[in-house]
N, C-alpha and C. Protein backbone atom coordinates (compact mmCIF):
# COMPACT_ATOMS: atom_id res chain seq x y z
N UNK A 1 42.43 31.32 109.06
CA UNK A 1 42.82 31.58 110.05
C UNK A 1 41.75 31.25 111.37
N UNK A 2 42.92 30.39 112.32
CA UNK A 2 41.80 30.31 113.76
C UNK A 2 42.34 31.12 114.71
N UNK A 3 41.35 32.00 115.80
CA UNK A 3 41.63 33.32 116.03
C UNK A 3 41.92 32.01 117.69
N UNK A 4 42.84 32.54 118.97
CA UNK A 4 43.66 32.13 119.62
C UNK A 4 43.57 33.48 120.55
N UNK A 5 42.48 32.93 122.14
CA UNK A 5 42.52 33.98 123.55
C UNK A 5 44.11 34.27 123.22
N UNK A 6 44.09 35.98 124.15
CA UNK A 6 45.33 36.13 124.10
C UNK A 6 44.91 37.37 125.75
N UNK A 7 45.86 37.76 126.59
CA UNK A 7 45.52 37.49 127.65
C UNK A 7 45.17 39.13 128.00
N UNK A 8 44.30 39.90 128.49
CA UNK A 8 44.06 41.20 129.13
C UNK A 8 44.57 41.97 128.36
N UNK A 9 44.50 42.65 127.90
CA UNK A 9 45.82 43.78 127.18
C UNK A 9 45.75 44.52 129.22
N UNK A 10 47.09 45.39 129.66
CA UNK A 10 47.65 45.25 131.04
C UNK A 10 46.43 46.32 131.90
N UNK A 11 46.36 47.42 130.85
CA UNK A 11 44.57 48.76 131.01
C UNK A 11 44.12 47.71 131.42
N UNK A 12 43.23 46.77 130.40
CA UNK A 12 41.81 46.67 131.46
C UNK A 12 42.38 45.61 132.50
N UNK A 13 43.16 44.94 132.17
CA UNK A 13 43.44 44.27 133.76
C UNK A 13 42.68 45.45 135.41
N UNK A 14 44.04 46.45 134.80
CA UNK A 14 44.67 48.07 136.11
C UNK A 14 43.70 48.72 136.07
N UNK A 15 42.34 48.38 134.99
CA UNK A 15 41.19 49.78 134.67
C UNK A 15 40.06 48.39 136.10
N UNK A 16 40.11 47.25 135.86
CA UNK A 16 38.88 46.58 137.03
C UNK A 16 40.15 46.52 138.56
N UNK A 17 41.32 46.10 137.88
CA UNK A 17 41.71 46.53 139.62
C UNK A 17 40.46 47.63 140.76
N UNK A 18 41.28 48.80 139.55
CA UNK A 18 40.68 49.77 140.60
C UNK A 18 39.29 50.05 140.76
N UNK A 19 38.91 49.87 139.69
CA UNK A 19 37.49 49.77 140.58
C UNK A 19 36.61 48.64 141.39
N UNK A 20 37.46 47.42 141.20
CA UNK A 20 37.55 46.88 142.74
C UNK A 20 37.63 46.89 143.95
N UNK A 21 38.97 48.06 144.34
CA UNK A 21 39.59 48.47 145.06
C UNK A 21 38.09 49.31 145.64
N UNK A 22 37.90 50.52 144.49
CA UNK A 22 37.38 51.86 145.34
C UNK A 22 35.80 50.82 145.40
N UNK A 23 35.36 49.59 145.18
CA UNK A 23 34.53 49.08 145.62
C UNK A 23 34.61 48.50 147.28
N UNK A 24 35.15 48.30 147.23
CA UNK A 24 35.41 47.45 148.02
C UNK A 24 35.61 48.26 149.88
N UNK A 25 36.65 50.01 149.21
CA UNK A 25 36.72 50.53 150.19
C UNK A 25 35.38 51.27 150.62
N UNK A 26 34.30 51.66 149.44
CA UNK A 26 33.19 52.26 149.71
C UNK A 26 32.85 53.91 149.71
N UNK A 27 34.05 53.51 148.43
CA UNK A 27 35.07 55.07 148.06
C UNK A 27 34.60 55.93 146.23
N UNK A 28 33.89 56.48 146.39
CA UNK A 28 33.20 56.69 144.87
C UNK A 28 35.01 56.69 143.75
N UNK A 29 34.67 56.60 142.87
CA UNK A 29 35.66 56.41 141.92
C UNK A 29 36.02 58.61 141.42
N UNK A 30 37.16 57.39 140.86
CA UNK A 30 37.34 59.37 140.71
C UNK A 30 37.56 59.21 138.71
N UNK A 31 37.69 60.07 137.88
CA UNK A 31 37.12 60.04 136.84
C UNK A 31 38.08 58.71 136.20
N UNK A 32 39.07 58.95 135.92
CA UNK A 32 39.33 58.13 134.98
C UNK A 32 38.58 56.37 135.38
N UNK A 33 38.23 55.78 136.32
CA UNK A 33 38.64 54.69 137.17
C UNK A 33 36.30 54.82 136.76
N UNK A 34 36.03 55.64 136.84
CA UNK A 34 34.84 55.79 136.40
C UNK A 34 33.84 55.60 134.83
N UNK A 35 35.16 55.91 133.93
CA UNK A 35 34.84 55.18 132.13
C UNK A 35 34.39 54.68 132.18
N UNK A 36 34.34 54.23 131.18
CA UNK A 36 33.35 53.01 130.73
C UNK A 36 34.00 51.70 130.17
N UNK A 37 35.17 51.79 130.31
CA UNK A 37 36.06 51.31 129.28
C UNK A 37 37.41 52.21 129.39
N UNK A 38 37.97 51.01 129.98
CA UNK A 38 40.14 51.49 130.08
C UNK A 38 40.43 52.33 128.97
N UNK A 39 41.36 53.51 128.92
CA UNK A 39 42.16 53.29 127.44
C UNK A 39 43.22 52.78 127.86
N UNK A 40 43.24 52.02 125.91
CA UNK A 40 44.78 51.81 126.04
C UNK A 40 45.96 52.37 124.95
N UNK A 41 47.63 52.87 124.98
CA UNK A 41 47.84 53.66 124.38
C UNK A 41 48.51 52.68 123.81
N UNK A 42 48.50 52.84 122.31
CA UNK A 42 49.46 52.13 121.56
C UNK A 42 50.19 52.62 120.33
N UNK A 43 51.23 51.86 120.18
CA UNK A 43 52.38 52.59 119.23
C UNK A 43 51.96 51.82 118.16
N UNK A 44 52.27 52.78 116.76
CA UNK A 44 51.37 52.49 115.51
C UNK A 44 53.11 52.40 114.47
N UNK A 45 53.27 51.28 114.42
CA UNK A 45 54.94 51.59 113.82
C UNK A 45 54.43 51.04 111.91
N UNK A 46 55.18 51.23 110.84
CA UNK A 46 55.32 51.75 109.67
C UNK A 46 54.23 50.56 108.97
N UNK A 47 53.25 50.22 109.13
CA UNK A 47 52.83 48.85 107.80
C UNK A 47 51.76 49.34 106.67
N UNK A 48 51.40 48.80 106.46
CA UNK A 48 50.78 48.76 105.16
C UNK A 48 49.54 47.94 104.81
N UNK A 49 48.14 48.09 104.51
CA UNK A 49 46.90 47.61 104.53
C UNK A 49 47.08 46.83 102.92
N UNK A 50 46.60 46.85 102.25
CA UNK A 50 46.10 45.82 100.44
C UNK A 50 44.61 45.21 100.82
N UNK A 51 45.37 45.90 99.35
CA UNK A 51 43.90 44.84 98.72
C UNK A 51 43.94 43.24 98.46
N UNK A 52 43.14 42.03 98.56
CA UNK A 52 43.45 40.75 97.60
C UNK A 52 43.84 40.99 96.71
N UNK A 53 43.43 41.93 95.83
CA UNK A 53 44.34 41.56 94.30
C UNK A 53 46.24 41.91 94.19
N UNK A 54 46.07 42.65 95.23
CA UNK A 54 47.64 43.69 94.99
C UNK A 54 48.08 42.77 95.85
N UNK A 55 47.13 41.93 97.31
CA UNK A 55 47.90 40.98 97.82
C UNK A 55 47.89 39.16 96.67
N UNK A 56 47.73 39.10 96.15
CA UNK A 56 48.10 38.26 95.21
C UNK A 56 49.62 39.11 93.88
N UNK A 57 49.09 39.39 93.33
CA UNK A 57 50.48 40.55 92.62
C UNK A 57 51.55 40.06 93.56
N UNK A 58 51.80 40.27 95.03
CA UNK A 58 52.52 40.63 95.93
C UNK A 58 53.44 38.68 96.24
N UNK A 59 51.94 38.54 96.76
CA UNK A 59 52.57 36.31 97.65
C UNK A 59 51.58 34.99 96.65
N UNK A 60 51.08 35.87 95.46
CA UNK A 60 51.03 34.62 94.50
C UNK A 60 48.64 34.72 94.42
N UNK A 61 48.39 33.92 93.54
CA UNK A 61 47.22 33.99 92.91
C UNK A 61 46.84 33.13 94.06
N UNK A 62 44.75 33.16 94.65
CA UNK A 62 44.56 32.61 95.83
C UNK A 62 45.14 33.11 97.23
N UNK A 63 46.15 33.10 97.40
CA UNK A 63 46.94 33.74 98.66
C UNK A 63 46.49 34.72 99.83
N UNK A 64 46.05 33.58 100.79
CA UNK A 64 45.60 34.66 101.85
C UNK A 64 46.31 34.94 102.89
N UNK A 65 46.06 36.49 103.73
CA UNK A 65 46.56 36.48 104.47
C UNK A 65 46.16 35.80 106.39
N UNK A 66 47.66 35.76 106.11
CA UNK A 66 47.75 35.17 107.87
C UNK A 66 48.58 35.80 109.00
N UNK A 67 47.36 35.11 110.04
CA UNK A 67 47.77 36.19 111.21
C UNK A 67 49.08 36.10 112.41
N UNK A 68 49.23 36.69 112.33
CA UNK A 68 50.53 36.30 113.32
C UNK A 68 50.62 37.06 114.62
N UNK A 69 49.33 38.75 114.41
CA UNK A 69 49.09 38.42 115.79
C UNK A 69 48.27 39.11 115.84
N UNK A 70 46.82 39.19 116.61
CA UNK A 70 45.46 39.68 116.68
C UNK A 70 46.06 41.35 117.46
N UNK A 71 45.26 41.89 116.72
CA UNK A 71 45.90 43.86 117.54
C UNK A 71 44.62 43.95 118.68
N UNK A 72 43.98 44.72 119.12
CA UNK A 72 43.80 45.25 120.20
C UNK A 72 41.63 44.97 119.58
N UNK A 73 42.33 46.31 118.79
CA UNK A 73 40.43 45.94 117.85
C UNK A 73 40.43 45.27 117.58
N UNK A 74 39.16 44.18 117.51
CA UNK A 74 38.60 43.55 117.24
C UNK A 74 39.02 42.77 116.25
N UNK A 75 39.01 41.26 115.49
CA UNK A 75 38.96 41.17 113.76
C UNK A 75 40.28 41.73 113.39
N UNK A 76 40.75 42.83 114.29
CA UNK A 76 42.67 43.39 113.21
C UNK A 76 43.33 42.79 113.46
N UNK A 77 44.46 42.18 112.80
CA UNK A 77 46.00 41.52 112.76
C UNK A 77 47.21 42.20 111.47
N UNK A 78 47.81 41.38 112.95
CA UNK A 78 49.13 41.73 112.17
C UNK A 78 49.20 39.85 111.33
N UNK A 79 49.86 40.50 110.24
CA UNK A 79 49.86 39.76 109.81
C UNK A 79 51.46 38.49 109.22
N UNK A 80 51.88 37.31 108.90
CA UNK A 80 52.71 36.62 109.15
C UNK A 80 53.53 37.72 107.62
N UNK A 81 52.76 37.54 107.08
CA UNK A 81 53.19 38.36 105.62
C UNK A 81 54.22 39.99 105.73
N UNK A 82 55.80 40.26 104.80
CA UNK A 82 55.79 41.68 105.43
C UNK A 82 56.75 41.53 104.07
N UNK A 83 56.68 42.83 103.46
CA UNK A 83 57.20 42.68 101.92
C UNK A 83 58.70 44.61 101.97
N UNK A 84 58.82 44.96 101.33
CA UNK A 84 59.43 45.34 100.58
C UNK A 84 59.02 46.57 99.95
N UNK A 85 59.51 47.48 100.58
CA UNK A 85 58.80 49.31 101.09
C UNK A 85 60.50 50.41 100.23
N UNK A 86 60.09 50.43 98.37
CA UNK A 86 61.48 50.83 97.62
C UNK A 86 60.07 51.86 97.81
N UNK A 87 60.67 53.18 97.96
CA UNK A 87 61.21 54.48 98.05
C UNK A 87 61.87 55.16 97.19
N UNK A 88 61.88 56.84 96.72
CA UNK A 88 62.44 57.41 96.11
C UNK A 88 64.23 57.06 96.20
N UNK A 89 64.66 57.31 94.91
CA UNK A 89 66.33 57.18 94.48
C UNK A 89 66.42 55.90 94.68
N UNK A 90 65.27 54.81 95.21
CA UNK A 90 65.56 52.88 95.51
C UNK A 90 65.96 53.18 96.53
N UNK A 91 65.77 53.42 97.87
CA UNK A 91 66.01 52.69 98.83
C UNK A 91 64.62 52.41 100.04
N UNK A 92 64.91 51.55 100.25
CA UNK A 92 64.07 50.81 100.53
C UNK A 92 63.96 50.44 102.66
N UNK A 93 62.64 49.62 102.56
CA UNK A 93 62.65 48.86 104.29
C UNK A 93 61.88 48.09 103.89
N UNK A 94 62.75 47.32 104.11
CA UNK A 94 62.60 45.90 104.19
C UNK A 94 61.87 44.95 105.40
N UNK A 95 61.33 44.30 105.70
CA UNK A 95 60.07 43.72 106.41
C UNK A 95 58.25 44.37 106.71
N UNK A 96 58.48 45.97 105.99
CA UNK A 96 56.81 46.13 106.27
C UNK A 96 56.07 45.73 106.66
N UNK A 97 55.54 45.40 107.94
CA UNK A 97 54.71 44.29 108.34
C UNK A 97 53.25 44.75 107.16
N UNK A 98 52.57 43.67 107.14
CA UNK A 98 50.58 43.52 106.61
C UNK A 98 50.43 43.65 107.69
N UNK A 99 49.20 44.49 108.04
CA UNK A 99 47.89 44.93 109.13
C UNK A 99 46.83 43.80 108.45
N UNK A 100 45.71 43.39 108.59
CA UNK A 100 45.25 42.77 107.77
C UNK A 100 43.20 42.96 108.76
N UNK A 101 41.98 42.66 108.31
CA UNK A 101 41.92 41.69 107.38
C UNK A 101 42.18 43.34 105.53
N UNK A 102 42.02 42.40 104.43
CA UNK A 102 42.20 43.43 103.68
C UNK A 102 41.30 44.63 103.89
N UNK A 103 41.94 45.46 103.06
CA UNK A 103 41.17 46.40 102.46
C UNK A 103 40.59 46.96 100.55
N UNK A 104 39.99 47.85 100.87
CA UNK A 104 39.49 47.99 99.43
C UNK A 104 40.21 49.04 99.48
N UNK A 105 41.65 49.22 99.36
CA UNK A 105 42.30 50.52 99.08
C UNK A 105 43.71 50.71 100.11
N UNK A 106 44.73 50.48 98.89
CA UNK A 106 46.23 50.45 99.13
C UNK A 106 46.60 51.78 99.85
N UNK A 107 47.58 51.54 100.82
CA UNK A 107 48.07 52.36 101.56
C UNK A 107 48.52 52.26 102.72
N UNK A 108 50.29 52.66 102.77
CA UNK A 108 51.43 52.98 104.01
C UNK A 108 52.01 53.79 104.28
N UNK A 109 51.23 54.00 106.19
CA UNK A 109 51.74 54.72 106.80
C UNK A 109 53.51 54.45 107.57
N UNK A 110 54.13 55.59 107.68
CA UNK A 110 54.97 55.57 107.80
C UNK A 110 55.55 56.54 109.42
N UNK A 111 56.29 57.08 109.89
CA UNK A 111 56.37 58.29 110.85
C UNK A 111 57.10 58.56 109.48
N UNK A 112 57.35 59.91 110.14
CA UNK A 112 58.21 61.72 109.67
C UNK A 112 59.19 60.88 109.39
N UNK A 113 59.98 60.68 110.41
CA UNK A 113 61.50 59.76 110.55
C UNK A 113 61.62 58.78 109.68
N UNK A 114 60.81 57.93 109.78
CA UNK A 114 60.96 57.04 107.96
C UNK A 114 60.77 57.54 106.42
N UNK A 115 59.86 58.45 106.72
CA UNK A 115 59.88 59.13 105.37
C UNK A 115 61.02 59.77 104.63
N UNK A 116 61.18 60.95 105.66
CA UNK A 116 62.69 61.55 105.18
C UNK A 116 63.97 60.52 105.13
N UNK A 117 63.69 59.08 105.61
CA UNK A 117 65.28 57.56 105.13
C UNK A 117 64.90 57.38 104.11
N UNK A 118 63.57 57.49 104.15
CA UNK A 118 63.17 56.81 102.36
C UNK A 118 63.93 58.07 101.47
N UNK A 119 63.32 58.98 101.52
CA UNK A 119 63.47 59.99 100.95
C UNK A 119 61.86 60.30 100.24
N UNK A 120 61.37 60.22 101.19
CA UNK A 120 59.53 60.74 100.87
C UNK A 120 59.44 61.95 102.10
N UNK A 121 58.95 62.44 101.01
CA UNK A 121 57.97 63.80 101.07
C UNK A 121 55.79 63.80 101.41
N UNK A 122 56.01 63.29 103.03
CA UNK A 122 54.63 62.72 102.56
C UNK A 122 53.44 63.76 103.60
N UNK A 123 52.08 63.08 103.57
CA UNK A 123 51.14 64.27 103.99
C UNK A 123 50.76 63.78 105.05
N UNK A 124 50.47 64.38 106.12
CA UNK A 124 49.44 63.82 107.36
C UNK A 124 48.06 63.83 106.94
N UNK A 125 47.81 62.62 107.10
CA UNK A 125 46.33 62.73 106.65
C UNK A 125 45.60 61.18 107.15
N UNK A 126 43.57 61.23 107.18
CA UNK A 126 43.10 60.51 108.15
C UNK A 126 43.25 58.95 107.79
N UNK A 127 43.66 58.15 108.12
CA UNK A 127 43.78 56.86 107.13
C UNK A 127 42.02 56.85 106.04
N UNK A 128 42.45 56.30 105.02
CA UNK A 128 41.54 56.09 103.76
C UNK A 128 41.78 57.14 102.92
N UNK A 129 42.03 58.62 103.74
CA UNK A 129 42.32 59.40 102.77
C UNK A 129 43.24 59.63 102.13
N UNK A 130 43.72 58.99 100.58
CA UNK A 130 44.95 58.94 99.07
C UNK A 130 45.30 59.58 99.18
N UNK A 131 44.12 60.76 98.57
CA UNK A 131 43.86 61.42 97.04
C UNK A 131 45.32 62.06 96.89
N UNK A 132 46.03 62.21 96.47
CA UNK A 132 47.15 63.33 95.85
C UNK A 132 47.95 62.94 96.63
N UNK A 133 48.70 61.92 97.32
CA UNK A 133 49.20 61.12 98.04
C UNK A 133 50.84 60.35 97.34
N UNK A 134 51.90 60.93 97.34
CA UNK A 134 52.82 60.07 96.78
C UNK A 134 52.99 58.62 96.51
N UNK A 135 52.64 57.84 95.41
CA UNK A 135 53.63 56.46 95.60
C UNK A 135 54.08 55.87 95.46
N UNK A 136 54.30 54.74 95.66
CA UNK A 136 56.40 53.51 95.99
C UNK A 136 55.79 52.53 94.73
N UNK A 137 56.55 52.08 95.14
CA UNK A 137 56.54 50.00 94.56
C UNK A 137 56.87 49.46 95.91
N UNK A 138 56.13 48.55 95.58
CA UNK A 138 56.48 47.52 96.78
C UNK A 138 56.58 45.64 96.29
N UNK A 139 57.41 45.32 96.67
CA UNK A 139 58.19 44.03 96.16
C UNK A 139 57.64 42.87 97.15
N UNK A 140 57.04 41.12 96.53
CA UNK A 140 56.53 40.69 97.43
C UNK A 140 57.76 39.67 96.67
N UNK A 141 57.15 38.17 97.77
CA UNK A 141 57.97 37.22 96.53
C UNK A 141 57.27 36.83 95.47
N UNK A 142 56.20 36.85 95.38
CA UNK A 142 55.69 36.65 93.56
C UNK A 142 55.75 37.91 92.50
N UNK A 143 56.46 38.73 93.15
CA UNK A 143 55.96 39.86 92.09
C UNK A 143 55.92 41.34 93.23
N UNK A 144 56.33 42.00 92.15
CA UNK A 144 56.35 43.98 92.59
C UNK A 144 54.36 43.99 92.55
N UNK A 145 54.94 45.58 93.04
CA UNK A 145 53.57 45.83 92.66
C UNK A 145 53.36 47.37 92.74
N UNK A 146 52.83 48.35 91.91
CA UNK A 146 52.88 49.55 92.05
C UNK A 146 52.07 49.88 92.93
N UNK A 147 51.77 50.88 93.85
CA UNK A 147 50.60 51.73 94.44
C UNK A 147 51.20 52.91 93.35
N UNK A 148 49.73 53.76 92.77
CA UNK A 148 50.33 55.14 92.10
C UNK A 148 50.02 56.57 93.41
N UNK A 149 49.72 56.05 95.06
CA UNK A 149 49.34 56.91 96.39
C UNK A 149 48.68 56.07 96.69
N UNK A 150 48.92 56.51 98.09
CA UNK A 150 48.60 55.57 98.81
C UNK A 150 49.74 56.11 100.12
N UNK A 151 51.21 57.14 100.02
CA UNK A 151 52.02 56.50 101.10
C UNK A 151 51.74 58.21 101.64
N UNK A 152 52.09 57.68 103.29
CA UNK A 152 50.61 59.32 104.44
C UNK A 152 51.76 58.79 105.88
N UNK A 153 51.73 60.37 106.49
CA UNK A 153 51.54 59.65 108.17
C UNK A 153 50.27 59.74 108.32
N UNK A 154 49.55 58.87 109.77
CA UNK A 154 47.89 58.90 109.61
C UNK A 154 48.50 59.41 111.18
N UNK A 155 46.92 60.43 110.64
CA UNK A 155 46.88 62.00 111.93
C UNK A 155 46.97 60.81 113.19
N UNK A 156 47.51 60.84 114.62
CA UNK A 156 47.25 60.94 115.41
C UNK A 156 45.61 61.43 116.19
N UNK A 157 45.00 59.37 116.67
CA UNK A 157 43.91 59.00 116.58
C UNK A 157 43.28 58.32 117.82
N UNK A 158 42.56 58.46 118.25
CA UNK A 158 41.67 57.60 119.10
C UNK A 158 39.92 56.86 118.99
N UNK A 159 40.48 55.58 119.05
CA UNK A 159 39.05 54.94 118.64
C UNK A 159 38.73 54.74 120.06
N UNK A 160 36.83 54.84 119.87
CA UNK A 160 35.85 54.60 120.74
C UNK A 160 34.73 54.16 120.15
N UNK A 161 33.86 53.64 121.11
CA UNK A 161 32.67 53.74 121.10
C UNK A 161 31.62 54.50 120.83
N UNK A 162 30.23 54.35 120.81
CA UNK A 162 29.85 55.59 121.58
C UNK A 162 29.05 55.90 123.30
N UNK A 163 29.05 54.69 123.74
CA UNK A 163 29.57 54.85 125.19
C UNK A 163 30.86 55.02 125.15
N UNK A 164 31.77 55.58 125.19
CA UNK A 164 32.92 56.18 125.40
C UNK A 164 33.00 57.34 125.12
N UNK A 165 32.54 58.14 124.14
CA UNK A 165 32.33 59.55 123.43
C UNK A 165 31.24 59.87 123.32
N UNK A 166 29.76 59.69 124.60
CA UNK A 166 29.78 59.52 125.47
C UNK A 166 30.53 61.01 126.68
N UNK A 167 30.59 59.40 128.35
CA UNK A 167 31.46 59.88 129.13
C UNK A 167 33.12 60.75 128.58
N UNK A 168 33.59 60.86 127.33
CA UNK A 168 34.35 61.58 127.24
C UNK A 168 33.94 63.43 126.77
N UNK A 169 32.56 63.16 126.79
CA UNK A 169 31.69 64.69 125.56
C UNK A 169 32.20 65.30 123.89
N UNK A 170 32.15 63.80 123.91
CA UNK A 170 32.68 64.11 122.27
C UNK A 170 32.11 63.25 121.16
N UNK A 171 32.31 63.52 120.09
CA UNK A 171 31.75 63.02 118.85
C UNK A 171 32.28 62.34 118.08
N UNK A 172 32.62 61.85 116.72
CA UNK A 172 32.60 61.45 116.05
C UNK A 172 33.49 62.67 114.80
N UNK A 173 34.87 63.04 114.79
CA UNK A 173 35.42 63.94 114.18
C UNK A 173 36.35 65.37 115.05
N UNK A 174 35.55 65.66 116.10
CA UNK A 174 35.79 66.33 116.79
C UNK A 174 37.57 65.81 117.95
N UNK A 175 38.22 66.78 118.31
CA UNK A 175 39.83 66.57 118.64
C UNK A 175 40.09 66.80 120.24
N UNK A 176 40.73 66.51 120.75
CA UNK A 176 40.86 65.57 122.23
C UNK A 176 42.74 66.41 121.79
N UNK A 177 42.85 66.29 123.65
CA UNK A 177 44.12 65.88 124.07
C UNK A 177 44.67 64.53 124.45
N UNK A 178 46.12 64.14 124.31
CA UNK A 178 46.55 63.12 125.13
C UNK A 178 47.04 63.42 126.24
N UNK A 179 47.00 63.32 127.41
CA UNK A 179 48.66 63.28 128.15
C UNK A 179 49.20 62.44 128.86
N UNK A 180 50.22 62.51 128.09
CA UNK A 180 51.36 61.01 128.57
C UNK A 180 52.36 61.59 129.76
N UNK A 181 52.41 60.75 130.75
CA UNK A 181 52.73 60.54 131.94
C UNK A 181 54.17 60.46 131.92
N UNK A 182 55.53 60.28 132.73
CA UNK A 182 56.28 60.24 132.72
C UNK A 182 57.67 60.99 133.20
N UNK A 183 58.83 60.53 132.51
CA UNK A 183 60.07 60.80 132.27
C UNK A 183 60.23 61.66 131.80
N UNK A 184 59.37 62.38 130.35
CA UNK A 184 59.28 62.22 129.42
C UNK A 184 58.16 63.00 128.96
N UNK A 185 57.11 63.30 129.74
CA UNK A 185 55.70 63.25 130.02
C UNK A 185 55.54 64.42 129.27
N UNK A 186 54.36 64.30 127.72
CA UNK A 186 54.48 65.39 126.95
C UNK A 186 53.05 65.33 126.97
N UNK A 187 52.35 66.44 126.14
CA UNK A 187 50.62 67.07 125.92
C UNK A 187 50.28 66.49 124.25
N UNK A 188 49.98 65.62 123.71
CA UNK A 188 50.02 65.77 122.09
C UNK A 188 48.15 65.91 121.51
N UNK A 189 48.77 67.60 121.20
CA UNK A 189 47.27 68.42 120.57
C UNK A 189 46.95 66.89 119.44
N UNK A 190 45.35 68.50 118.79
CA UNK A 190 44.84 67.39 117.90
C UNK A 190 44.60 66.46 117.77
N UNK A 191 44.45 64.88 118.32
CA UNK A 191 43.90 63.78 119.18
C UNK A 191 42.41 63.42 118.20
N UNK A 192 42.21 62.58 117.47
CA UNK A 192 41.52 62.90 116.16
C UNK A 192 40.18 61.81 116.53
N UNK A 193 38.43 62.02 117.30
CA UNK A 193 37.73 61.13 117.24
C UNK A 193 37.77 60.68 116.07
N UNK A 194 37.79 58.71 116.55
CA UNK A 194 36.39 58.24 115.74
C UNK A 194 35.87 57.40 116.25
N UNK A 195 34.44 57.65 116.00
CA UNK A 195 33.34 56.79 116.78
C UNK A 195 32.80 55.56 115.55
N UNK A 196 32.96 54.82 117.10
CA UNK A 196 31.49 53.46 115.98
C UNK A 196 31.78 52.41 117.54
N UNK A 197 30.15 51.96 116.72
CA UNK A 197 29.98 51.10 118.00
C UNK A 197 30.59 49.62 118.27
N UNK A 198 31.83 49.51 116.95
CA UNK A 198 32.69 48.57 117.26
C UNK A 198 33.76 48.76 117.46
N UNK A 199 34.04 50.32 118.11
CA UNK A 199 35.47 49.64 118.92
C UNK A 199 36.03 49.85 119.78
N UNK A 200 37.15 49.88 120.28
CA UNK A 200 37.20 49.81 121.48
C UNK A 200 38.95 50.96 122.20
N UNK A 201 37.73 51.76 123.41
CA UNK A 201 39.13 52.62 124.00
C UNK A 201 40.31 52.14 123.10
N UNK A 202 40.85 53.36 122.42
CA UNK A 202 42.76 53.06 122.31
C UNK A 202 43.30 54.47 121.41
N UNK A 203 44.35 55.45 121.84
CA UNK A 203 45.11 55.97 121.48
C UNK A 203 45.74 55.03 120.16
N UNK A 204 45.94 55.73 118.44
CA UNK A 204 47.42 55.12 118.33
C UNK A 204 48.01 56.43 118.16
N UNK A 205 49.74 55.79 117.92
CA UNK A 205 50.31 57.03 118.51
C UNK A 205 51.30 56.51 116.93
N UNK A 206 52.45 57.49 116.55
CA UNK A 206 53.44 56.32 116.18
C UNK A 206 54.81 56.55 116.56
N UNK A 207 55.50 55.87 115.88
CA UNK A 207 57.03 55.62 116.54
C UNK A 207 57.49 56.70 116.86
N UNK A 208 57.04 58.21 116.33
CA UNK A 208 57.60 58.92 116.63
C UNK A 208 57.63 59.79 118.03
N UNK A 209 56.15 59.64 118.06
CA UNK A 209 55.65 60.13 119.01
C UNK A 209 56.00 59.57 120.16
N UNK A 210 55.73 58.08 119.80
CA UNK A 210 56.09 57.28 120.99
C UNK A 210 57.17 57.30 121.60
N UNK A 211 58.84 57.14 120.58
CA UNK A 211 59.56 58.04 121.41
C UNK A 211 59.98 58.91 121.85
N UNK A 212 59.14 60.04 121.64
CA UNK A 212 59.26 61.02 121.98
C UNK A 212 59.33 61.25 123.83
N UNK A 213 58.40 60.11 123.99
CA UNK A 213 57.57 60.48 124.90
C UNK A 213 58.49 58.99 125.74
N UNK A 214 59.54 58.51 125.59
CA UNK A 214 59.04 57.52 125.76
C UNK A 214 58.08 56.23 125.98
N UNK A 215 57.13 56.23 125.28
CA UNK A 215 55.98 54.96 125.91
C UNK A 215 56.20 54.23 126.72
N UNK A 216 55.77 53.84 127.66
CA UNK A 216 56.30 52.45 128.16
C UNK A 216 54.33 51.92 128.86
N UNK A 217 54.91 50.54 129.05
CA UNK A 217 53.46 49.50 129.34
C UNK A 217 52.71 50.37 130.70
N UNK A 218 53.52 50.34 131.14
CA UNK A 218 52.95 51.41 132.51
C UNK A 218 52.85 52.40 132.62
N UNK A 219 53.60 53.34 131.37
CA UNK A 219 53.10 54.97 131.85
C UNK A 219 51.43 55.43 131.56
N UNK A 220 51.12 56.18 132.73
CA UNK A 220 50.19 57.18 133.08
C UNK A 220 49.63 57.54 132.07
N UNK A 221 48.36 57.66 131.37
CA UNK A 221 48.61 58.25 130.01
C UNK A 221 46.52 58.79 130.27
N UNK A 222 46.22 59.82 130.36
CA UNK A 222 44.82 60.93 130.18
C UNK A 222 44.06 61.60 128.82
N UNK A 223 42.83 60.99 128.55
CA UNK A 223 42.05 62.04 127.59
C UNK A 223 41.71 63.04 128.10
N UNK A 224 42.25 63.87 127.59
CA UNK A 224 41.01 65.76 128.10
C UNK A 224 40.95 65.66 126.52
N UNK A 225 39.40 66.56 126.91
CA UNK A 225 38.64 67.25 126.32
C UNK A 225 38.54 68.79 126.29
């Protein structure tokens, strides 16, 4: 895999411009501009995480995931490889994207709309908490892989560094609110804080939530403690 430079996220550019303008005018920064890092809100569409063993079963021995697109979090990417998910009563979703790098557990993240279409009854879980969750069958070009468990709706959450957590006065595991502007503006409650020194400030919501508020690249968003 060869890393290639990507353009800065729109929110990053706007954050830097806002700080520069207030500095040039000699005015105090509003709270959003005074934050150590820009707030990025992204929609996380249905996807899966796989172990190296599952990848080999589905794509062939020795196969490694190839980068299709780098994601906002450092080292994370959408892979070129995709799968077919076979749900209850043989209902399927094709072109299910794999996110890399590989993990030590297999997990599929769906929105509730996806789950209903497939015939699943899935729980709302923090990513990685897959005990007593439904399983499914995956089909790849080299074979089938049966997941005994791991199909969830991921709880909406915000990734943040310790500096971000200090600014917003929260700790790992706390909950915040996300105010989303625009013509379909709303406030999302129970936004789980995930704090790690490797994280960039980024909110993940799923397609149901993103569609409900018509989230666009220029939609104003604000974290509320």
